[in-house]
Amino acid sequence: VHEFVDGYVDRALESDEKKVHEGRYVFLD
């Protein structure tokens, strides 16, 4: 569980996820 969620967390911290999710609300952003 931790490794699965950490994958999304690391991606959000390392890149500008807002460009990927532009136009919709994402809680992690």
Full PDB file with SEQRES, HELIX, SHEET, SSBOND, CRYST1, ORIGX, SCALE, CONECT and MASTER records, all heavy atoms in Angstrom:
SEQRES   1 A   29  VAL HIS GLU PHE VAL ASP GLY TYR VAL ASP ARG ALA LEU          
SEQRES   2 A   29  GLU SER ASP GLU LYS LYS VAL HIS GLU GLY ARG TYR VAL          
SEQRES   3 A   29  PHE LEU ASP                                                  
HELIX    1 AA1 HIS A    2  GLU A   14  1                                  13    
HELIX    2 AA2 GLU A   17  VAL A   20  1                                   4    
CRYST1    1.000    1.000    1.000  90.00  90.00  90.00 P 1           1          
ORIGX1      1.000000  0.000000  0.000000        0.00000                         
ORIGX2      0.000000  1.000000  0.000000        0.00000                         
ORIGX3      0.000000  0.000000  1.000000        0.00000                         
SCALE1      1.000000  0.000000  0.000000        0.00000                         
SCALE2      0.000000  1.000000  0.000000        0.00000                         
SCALE3      0.000000  0.000000  1.000000        0.00000                         
ATOM      1  N   VAL A   1       0.836  -1.206   0.000  1.00  0.00           N  
ATOM      2  CA  VAL A   1       0.000   0.000   0.000  1.00  0.00           C  
ATOM      3  C   VAL A   1       0.865   1.248   0.000  1.00  0.00           C  
ATOM      4  O   VAL A   1       0.641   2.186  -0.785  1.00  0.00           O  
ATOM      5  CB  VAL A   1      -0.943  -0.006   1.227  1.00  0.00           C  
ATOM      6  CG1 VAL A   1      -1.630   1.352   1.389  1.00  0.00           C  
ATOM      7  CG2 VAL A   1      -1.994  -1.101   1.079  1.00  0.00           C  
ATOM      8  N   HIS A   2       1.867   1.295   0.865  1.00  0.00           N  
ATOM      9  CA  HIS A   2       2.717   2.482   0.963  1.00  0.00           C  
ATOM     10  C   HIS A   2       3.503   2.724  -0.326  1.00  0.00           C  
ATOM     11  O   HIS A   2       3.600   3.856  -0.811  1.00  0.00           O  
ATOM     12  CB  HIS A   2       3.678   2.343   2.143  1.00  0.00           C  
ATOM     13  CG  HIS A   2       2.998   2.447   3.475  1.00  0.00           C  
ATOM     14  ND1 HIS A   2       3.649   2.234   4.675  1.00  0.00           N  
ATOM     15  CD2 HIS A   2       1.710   2.746   3.794  1.00  0.00           C  
ATOM     16  CE1 HIS A   2       2.806   2.401   5.666  1.00  0.00           C  
ATOM     17  NE2 HIS A   2       1.626   2.704   5.162  1.00  0.00           N  
ATOM     18  N   GLU A   3       4.068   1.660  -0.894  1.00  0.00           N  
ATOM     19  CA  GLU A   3       4.851   1.820  -2.121  1.00  0.00           C  
ATOM     20  C   GLU A   3       3.968   2.282  -3.281  1.00  0.00           C  
ATOM     21  O   GLU A   3       4.404   3.087  -4.111  1.00  0.00           O  
ATOM     22  CB  GLU A   3       5.548   0.505  -2.476  1.00  0.00           C  
ATOM     23  CG  GLU A   3       6.704   0.171  -1.559  1.00  0.00           C  
ATOM     24  CD  GLU A   3       7.379  -1.134  -1.928  1.00  0.00           C  
ATOM     25  OE1 GLU A   3       6.839  -1.849  -2.819  1.00  0.00           O  
ATOM     26  OE2 GLU A   3       8.435  -1.447  -1.346  1.00  0.00           O  
ATOM     27  N   PHE A   4       2.751   1.782  -3.341  1.00  0.00           N  
ATOM     28  CA  PHE A   4       1.842   2.172  -4.417  1.00  0.00           C  
ATOM     29  C   PHE A   4       1.518   3.659  -4.335  1.00  0.00           C  
ATOM     30  O   PHE A   4       1.606   4.388  -5.329  1.00  0.00           O  
ATOM     31  CB  PHE A   4       0.562   1.343  -4.325  1.00  0.00           C  
ATOM     32  CG  PHE A   4      -0.368   1.537  -5.499  1.00  0.00           C  
ATOM     33  CD1 PHE A   4      -0.211   0.786  -6.658  1.00  0.00           C  
ATOM     34  CD2 PHE A   4      -1.393   2.463  -5.452  1.00  0.00           C  
ATOM     35  CE1 PHE A   4      -1.063   0.952  -7.750  1.00  0.00           C  
ATOM     36  CE2 PHE A   4      -2.251   2.639  -6.531  1.00  0.00           C  
ATOM     37  CZ  PHE A   4      -2.091   1.884  -7.682  1.00  0.00           C  
ATOM     38  N   VAL A   5       1.160   4.133  -3.144  1.00  0.00           N  
ATOM     39  CA  VAL A   5       0.805   5.545  -2.972  1.00  0.00           C  
ATOM     40  C   VAL A   5       2.040   6.429  -3.102  1.00  0.00           C  
ATOM     41  O   VAL A   5       1.983   7.518  -3.688  1.00  0.00           O  
ATOM     42  CB  VAL A   5       0.127   5.771  -1.609  1.00  0.00           C  
ATOM     43  CG1 VAL A   5      -0.187   7.253  -1.395  1.00  0.00           C  
ATOM     44  CG2 VAL A   5      -1.160   4.953  -1.517  1.00  0.00           C  
ATOM     45  N   ASP A   6       3.176   5.972  -2.586  1.00  0.00           N  
ATOM     46  CA  ASP A   6       4.415   6.753  -2.687  1.00  0.00           C  
ATOM     47  C   ASP A   6       4.796   7.015  -4.138  1.00  0.00           C  
ATOM     48  O   ASP A   6       5.407   8.045  -4.454  1.00  0.00           O  
ATOM     49  CB  ASP A   6       5.564   6.017  -1.991  1.00  0.00           C  
ATOM     50  CG  ASP A   6       5.476   6.118  -0.477  1.00  0.00           C  
ATOM     51  OD1 ASP A   6       4.730   6.986   0.016  1.00  0.00           O  
ATOM     52  OD2 ASP A   6       6.142   5.318   0.207  1.00  0.00           O  
ATOM     53  N   GLY A   7       4.444   6.110  -5.044  1.00  0.00           N  
ATOM     54  CA  GLY A   7       4.742   6.316  -6.460  1.00  0.00           C  
ATOM     55  C   GLY A   7       4.057   7.564  -6.989  1.00  0.00           C  
ATOM     56  O   GLY A   7       4.663   8.362  -7.723  1.00  0.00           O  
ATOM     57  N   TYR A   8       2.792   7.765  -6.610  1.00  0.00           N  
ATOM     58  CA  TYR A   8       2.071   8.964  -7.036  1.00  0.00           C  
ATOM     59  C   TYR A   8       2.621  10.208  -6.343  1.00  0.00           C  
ATOM     60  O   TYR A   8       2.730  11.278  -6.946  1.00  0.00           O  
ATOM     61  CB  TYR A   8       0.584   8.814  -6.721  1.00  0.00           C  
ATOM     62  CG  TYR A   8      -0.122   7.826  -7.616  1.00  0.00           C  
ATOM     63  CD1 TYR A   8      -0.334   6.515  -7.202  1.00  0.00           C  
ATOM     64  CD2 TYR A   8      -0.564   8.191  -8.882  1.00  0.00           C  
ATOM     65  CE1 TYR A   8      -0.974   5.596  -8.018  1.00  0.00           C  
ATOM     66  CE2 TYR A   8      -1.208   7.279  -9.711  1.00  0.00           C  
ATOM     67  CZ  TYR A   8      -1.408   5.985  -9.275  1.00  0.00           C  
ATOM     68  OH  TYR A   8      -2.043   5.084 -10.093  1.00  0.00           O  
ATOM     69  N   VAL A   9       2.966  10.069  -5.062  1.00  0.00           N  
ATOM     70  CA  VAL A   9       3.510  11.195  -4.305  1.00  0.00           C  
ATOM     71  C   VAL A   9       4.828  11.654  -4.920  1.00  0.00           C  
ATOM     72  O   VAL A   9       5.049  12.852  -5.145  1.00  0.00           O  
ATOM     73  CB  VAL A   9       3.714  10.816  -2.822  1.00  0.00           C  
ATOM     74  CG1 VAL A   9       4.506  11.904  -2.098  1.00  0.00           C  
ATOM     75  CG2 VAL A   9       2.363  10.593  -2.146  1.00  0.00           C  
ATOM     76  N   ASP A  10       5.718  10.715  -5.213  1.00  0.00           N  
ATOM     77  CA  ASP A  10       7.018  11.065  -5.788  1.00  0.00           C  
ATOM     78  C   ASP A  10       6.862  11.745  -7.141  1.00  0.00           C  
ATOM     79  O   ASP A  10       7.570  12.713  -7.453  1.00  0.00           O  
ATOM     80  CB  ASP A  10       7.875   9.808  -5.943  1.00  0.00           C  
ATOM     81  CG  ASP A  10       8.313   9.230  -4.607  1.00  0.00           C  
ATOM     82  OD1 ASP A  10       8.266   9.971  -3.609  1.00  0.00           O  
ATOM     83  OD2 ASP A  10       8.689   8.043  -4.567  1.00  0.00           O  
ATOM     84  N   ARG A  11       5.928  11.252  -7.941  1.00  0.00           N  
ATOM     85  CA  ARG A  11       5.719  11.849  -9.255  1.00  0.00           C  
ATOM     86  C   ARG A  11       5.212  13.282  -9.129  1.00  0.00           C  
ATOM     87  O   ARG A  11       5.610  14.161  -9.886  1.00  0.00           O  
ATOM     88  CB  ARG A  11       4.724  11.009 -10.060  1.00  0.00           C  
ATOM     89  CG  ARG A  11       4.768  11.294 -11.547  1.00  0.00           C  
ATOM     90  CD  ARG A  11       3.982  10.254 -12.310  1.00  0.00           C  
ATOM     91  NE  ARG A  11       2.548  10.429 -12.137  1.00  0.00           N  
ATOM     92  CZ  ARG A  11       1.634   9.605 -12.638  1.00  0.00           C  
ATOM     93  NH1 ARG A  11       2.017   8.526 -13.288  1.00  0.00           N  
ATOM     94  NH2 ARG A  11       0.353   9.835 -12.459  1.00  0.00           N  
ATOM     95  N   ALA A  12       4.354  13.501  -8.135  1.00  0.00           N  
ATOM     96  CA  ALA A  12       3.821  14.850  -7.923  1.00  0.00           C  
ATOM     97  C   ALA A  12       4.901  15.799  -7.426  1.00  0.00           C  
ATOM     98  O   ALA A  12       4.916  16.979  -7.777  1.00  0.00           O  
ATOM     99  CB  ALA A  12       2.666  14.798  -6.929  1.00  0.00           C  
ATOM    100  N   LEU A  13       5.813  15.289  -6.608  1.00  0.00           N  
ATOM    101  CA  LEU A  13       6.875  16.122  -6.066  1.00  0.00           C  
ATOM    102  C   LEU A  13       7.962  16.416  -7.099  1.00  0.00           C  
ATOM    103  O   LEU A  13       8.606  17.472  -7.050  1.00  0.00           O  
ATOM    104  CB  LEU A  13       7.509  15.442  -4.844  1.00  0.00           C  
ATOM    105  CG  LEU A  13       6.631  15.339  -3.588  1.00  0.00           C  
ATOM    106  CD1 LEU A  13       7.333  14.503  -2.532  1.00  0.00           C  
ATOM    107  CD2 LEU A  13       6.307  16.730  -3.038  1.00  0.00           C  
ATOM    108  N   GLU A  14       8.160  15.501  -8.024  1.00  0.00           N  
ATOM    109  CA  GLU A  14       9.256  15.643  -8.981  1.00  0.00           C  
ATOM    110  C   GLU A  14       8.869  16.378 -10.253  1.00  0.00           C  
ATOM    111  O   GLU A  14       9.737  16.804 -11.012  1.00  0.00           O  
ATOM    112  CB  GLU A  14       9.794  14.257  -9.354  1.00  0.00           C  
ATOM    113  CG  GLU A  14      10.468  13.541  -8.187  1.00  0.00           C  
ATOM    114  CD  GLU A  14      10.744  12.081  -8.487  1.00  0.00           C  
ATOM    115  OE1 GLU A  14      10.457  11.667  -9.643  1.00  0.00           O  
ATOM    116  OE2 GLU A  14      11.225  11.360  -7.591  1.00  0.00           O  
ATOM    117  N   SER A  15       7.578  16.498 -10.512  1.00  0.00           N  
ATOM    118  CA  SER A  15       7.154  17.139 -11.751  1.00  0.00           C  
ATOM    119  C   SER A  15       5.989  18.072 -11.501  1.00  0.00           C  
ATOM    120  O   SER A  15       5.396  18.093 -10.434  1.00  0.00           O  
ATOM    121  CB  SER A  15       6.752  16.075 -12.786  1.00  0.00           C  
ATOM    122  OG  SER A  15       5.653  15.324 -12.295  1.00  0.00           O  
ATOM    123  N   ASP A  16       5.682  18.858 -12.495  1.00  0.00           N  
ATOM    124  CA  ASP A  16       4.555  19.779 -12.413  1.00  0.00           C  
ATOM    125  C   ASP A  16       3.296  19.042 -12.827  1.00  0.00           C  
ATOM    126  O   ASP A  16       2.884  19.071 -13.983  1.00  0.00           O  
ATOM    127  CB  ASP A  16       4.793  20.996 -13.314  1.00  0.00           C  
ATOM    128  CG  ASP A  16       3.716  22.053 -13.137  1.00  0.00           C  
ATOM    129  OD1 ASP A  16       2.804  21.829 -12.316  1.00  0.00           O  
ATOM    130  OD2 ASP A  16       3.777  23.077 -13.813  1.00  0.00           O  
ATOM    131  N   GLU A  17       2.671  18.374 -11.861  1.00  0.00           N  
ATOM    132  CA  GLU A  17       1.492  17.562 -12.181  1.00  0.00           C  
ATOM    133  C   GLU A  17       0.324  18.410 -12.666  1.00  0.00           C  
ATOM    134  O   GLU A  17      -0.581  17.917 -13.313  1.00  0.00           O  
ATOM    135  CB  GLU A  17       1.058  16.754 -10.946  1.00  0.00           C  
ATOM    136  CG  GLU A  17       1.965  15.594 -10.639  1.00  0.00           C  
ATOM    137  CD  GLU A  17       1.871  14.512 -11.707  1.00  0.00           C  
ATOM    138  OE1 GLU A  17       0.804  13.917 -11.874  1.00  0.00           O  
ATOM    139  OE2 GLU A  17       2.880  14.293 -12.380  1.00  0.00           O  
ATOM    140  N   LYS A  18       0.332  19.687 -12.331  1.00  0.00           N  
ATOM    141  CA  LYS A  18      -0.788  20.532 -12.738  1.00  0.00           C  
ATOM    142  C   LYS A  18      -0.903  20.606 -14.257  1.00  0.00           C  
ATOM    143  O   LYS A  18      -1.974  20.818 -14.800  1.00  0.00           O  
ATOM    144  CB  LYS A  18      -0.637  21.926 -12.143  1.00  0.00           C  
ATOM    145  CG  LYS A  18      -0.988  21.958 -10.652  1.00  0.00           C  
ATOM    146  CD  LYS A  18      -1.151  23.373 -10.152  1.00  0.00           C  
ATOM    147  CE  LYS A  18      -1.701  23.377  -8.736  1.00  0.00           C  
ATOM    148  NZ  LYS A  18      -1.931  24.731  -8.236  1.00  0.00           N  
ATOM    149  N   LYS A  19       0.216  20.437 -14.951  1.00  0.00           N  
ATOM    150  CA  LYS A  19       0.157  20.436 -16.414  1.00  0.00           C  
ATOM    151  C   LYS A  19      -0.578  19.191 -16.907  1.00  0.00           C  
ATOM    152  O   LYS A  19      -1.272  19.235 -17.906  1.00  0.00           O  
ATOM    153  CB  LYS A  19       1.579  20.482 -16.981  1.00  0.00           C  
ATOM    154  CG  LYS A  19       2.293  21.809 -16.730  1.00  0.00           C  
ATOM    155  CD  LYS A  19       3.691  21.784 -17.313  1.00  0.00           C  
ATOM    156  CE  LYS A  19       4.405  23.111 -17.042  1.00  0.00           C  
ATOM    157  NZ  LYS A  19       5.800  23.068 -17.559  1.00  0.00           N  
ATOM    158  N   VAL A  20      -0.406  18.081 -16.173  1.00  0.00           N  
ATOM    159  CA  VAL A  20      -1.068  16.831 -16.549  1.00  0.00           C  
ATOM    160  C   VAL A  20      -2.552  16.900 -16.214  1.00  0.00           C  
ATOM    161  O   VAL A  20      -3.413  16.461 -16.980  1.00  0.00           O  
ATOM    162  CB  VAL A  20      -0.416  15.639 -15.819  1.00  0.00           C  
ATOM    163  CG1 VAL A  20      -1.132  14.341 -16.184  1.00  0.00           C  
ATOM    164  CG2 VAL A  20       1.063  15.562 -16.156  1.00  0.00           C  
ATOM    165  N   HIS A  21      -2.865  17.467 -15.029  1.00  0.00           N  
ATOM    166  CA  HIS A  21      -4.240  17.484 -14.537  1.00  0.00           C  
ATOM    167  C   HIS A  21      -4.940  18.818 -14.796  1.00  0.00           C  
ATOM    168  O   HIS A  21      -5.944  19.122 -14.163  1.00  0.00           O  
ATOM    169  CB  HIS A  21      -4.257  17.200 -13.030  1.00  0.00           C  
ATOM    170  CG  HIS A  21      -3.591  15.910 -12.670  1.00  0.00           C  
ATOM    171  ND1 HIS A  21      -2.830  15.744 -11.536  1.00  0.00           N  
ATOM    172  CD2 HIS A  21      -3.576  14.713 -13.318  1.00  0.00           C  
ATOM    173  CE1 HIS A  21      -2.376  14.503 -11.490  1.00  0.00           C  
ATOM    174  NE2 HIS A  21      -2.795  13.864 -12.559  1.00  0.00           N  
ATOM    175  N   GLU A  22      -4.407  19.599 -15.684  1.00  0.00           N  
ATOM    176  CA  GLU A  22      -4.957  20.929 -15.940  1.00  0.00           C  
ATOM    177  C   GLU A  22      -6.443  20.850 -16.306  1.00  0.00           C  
ATOM    178  O   GLU A  22      -6.869  20.020 -17.102  1.00  0.00           O  
ATOM    179  CB  GLU A  22      -4.194  21.587 -17.094  1.00  0.00           C  
ATOM    180  CG  GLU A  22      -4.536  23.058 -17.264  1.00  0.00           C  
ATOM    181  CD  GLU A  22      -3.639  23.724 -18.295  1.00  0.00           C  
ATOM    182  OE1 GLU A  22      -2.744  23.043 -18.831  1.00  0.00           O  
ATOM    183  OE2 GLU A  22      -3.840  24.910 -18.543  1.00  0.00           O  
ATOM    184  N   GLY A  23      -7.223  21.701 -15.668  1.00  0.00           N  
ATOM    185  CA  GLY A  23      -8.653  21.758 -15.960  1.00  0.00           C  
ATOM    186  C   GLY A  23      -9.516  20.933 -15.028  1.00  0.00           C  
ATOM    187  O   GLY A  23     -10.743  20.976 -15.116  1.00  0.00           O  
ATOM    188  N   ARG A  24      -8.907  20.158 -14.121  1.00  0.00           N  
ATOM    189  CA  ARG A  24      -9.703  19.400 -13.156  1.00  0.00           C  
ATOM    190  C   ARG A  24      -8.998  19.374 -11.807  1.00  0.00           C  
ATOM    191  O   ARG A  24      -7.775  19.489 -11.718  1.00  0.00           O  
ATOM    192  CB  ARG A  24      -9.964  17.979 -13.644  1.00  0.00           C  
ATOM    193  CG  ARG A  24      -8.739  17.131 -13.872  1.00  0.00           C  
ATOM    194  CD  ARG A  24      -9.089  15.870 -14.643  1.00  0.00           C  
ATOM    195  NE  ARG A  24      -7.919  15.061 -14.924  1.00  0.00           N  
ATOM    196  CZ  ARG A  24      -7.538  14.016 -14.204  1.00  0.00           C  
ATOM    197  NH1 ARG A  24      -8.244  13.677 -13.136  1.00  0.00           N  
ATOM    198  NH2 ARG A  24      -6.476  13.315 -14.541  1.00  0.00           N  
ATOM    199  N   TYR A  25      -9.804  19.222 -10.761  1.00  0.00           N  
ATOM    200  CA  TYR A  25      -9.266  19.234  -9.400  1.00  0.00           C  
ATOM    201  C   TYR A  25      -8.741  17.850  -9.037  1.00  0.00           C  
ATOM    202  O   TYR A  25      -9.432  16.847  -9.196  1.00  0.00           O  
ATOM    203  CB  TYR A  25     -10.358  19.636  -8.405  1.00  0.00           C  
ATOM    204  CG  TYR A  25      -9.886  19.649  -6.967  1.00  0.00           C  
ATOM    205  CD1 TYR A  25      -9.285  20.789  -6.434  1.00  0.00           C  
ATOM    206  CD2 TYR A  25     -10.025  18.530  -6.151  1.00  0.00           C  
ATOM    207  CE1 TYR A  25      -8.841  20.809  -5.119  1.00  0.00           C  
ATOM    208  CE2 TYR A  25      -9.586  18.533  -4.843  1.00  0.00           C  
ATOM    209  CZ  TYR A  25      -8.995  19.674  -4.328  1.00  0.00           C  
ATOM    210  OH  TYR A  25      -8.555  19.701  -3.028  1.00  0.00           O  
ATOM    211  N   VAL A  26      -7.513  17.797  -8.553  1.00  0.00           N  
ATOM    212  CA  VAL A  26      -6.915  16.561  -8.052  1.00  0.00           C  
ATOM    213  C   VAL A  26      -6.419  16.842  -6.637  1.00  0.00           C  
ATOM    214  O   VAL A  26      -5.673  17.789  -6.406  1.00  0.00           O  
ATOM    215  CB  VAL A  26      -5.759  16.084  -8.954  1.00  0.00           C  
ATOM    216  CG1 VAL A  26      -5.039  14.891  -8.330  1.00  0.00           C  
ATOM    217  CG2 VAL A  26      -6.285  15.723 -10.340  1.00  0.00           C  
ATOM    218  N   PHE A  27      -6.837  16.016  -5.694  1.00  0.00           N  
ATOM    219  CA  PHE A  27      -6.541  16.256  -4.283  1.00  0.00           C  
ATOM    220  C   PHE A  27      -5.042  16.323  -4.015  1.00  0.00           C  
ATOM    221  O   PHE A  27      -4.574  17.154  -3.241  1.00  0.00           O  
ATOM    222  CB  PHE A  27      -7.184  15.145  -3.444  1.00  0.00           C  
ATOM    223  CG  PHE A  27      -7.101  15.367  -1.965  1.00  0.00           C  
ATOM    224  CD1 PHE A  27      -7.865  16.351  -1.354  1.00  0.00           C  
ATOM    225  CD2 PHE A  27      -6.267  14.578  -1.176  1.00  0.00           C  
ATOM    226  CE1 PHE A  27      -7.797  16.558   0.016  1.00  0.00           C  
ATOM    227  CE2 PHE A  27      -6.190  14.783   0.189  1.00  0.00           C  
ATOM    228  CZ  PHE A  27      -6.960  15.767   0.789  1.00  0.00           C  
ATOM    229  N   LEU A  28      -4.262  15.459  -4.650  1.00  0.00           N  
ATOM    230  CA  LEU A  28      -2.820  15.437  -4.439  1.00  0.00           C  
ATOM    231  C   LEU A  28      -2.184  16.758  -4.858  1.00  0.00           C  
ATOM    232  O   LEU A  28      -1.268  17.253  -4.191  1.00  0.00           O  
ATOM    233  CB  LEU A  28      -2.192  14.274  -5.205  1.00  0.00           C  
ATOM    234  CG  LEU A  28      -0.675  14.126  -5.120  1.00  0.00           C  
ATOM    235  CD1 LEU A  28      -0.204  14.048  -3.680  1.00  0.00           C  
ATOM    236  CD2 LEU A  28      -0.221  12.879  -5.893  1.00  0.00           C  
ATOM    237  N   ASP A  29      -2.662  17.349  -5.956  1.00  0.00           N  
ATOM    238  CA  ASP A  29      -2.129  18.645  -6.398  1.00  0.00           C  
ATOM    239  C   ASP A  29      -2.316  19.704  -5.313  1.00  0.00           C  
ATOM    240  O   ASP A  29      -1.418  20.506  -5.040  1.00  0.00           O  
ATOM    241  CB  ASP A  29      -2.844  19.102  -7.671  1.00  0.00           C  
ATOM    242  CG  ASP A  29      -2.524  18.217  -8.867  1.00  0.00           C  
ATOM    243  OD1 ASP A  29      -1.567  17.427  -8.775  1.00  0.00           O  
ATOM    244  OD2 ASP A  29      -3.237  18.327  -9.875  1.00  0.00           O  
TER     245      ASP A  29                                                      
MASTER        0    0    0    2    0    0    0    6  244    1    0    3          
END                                                                             
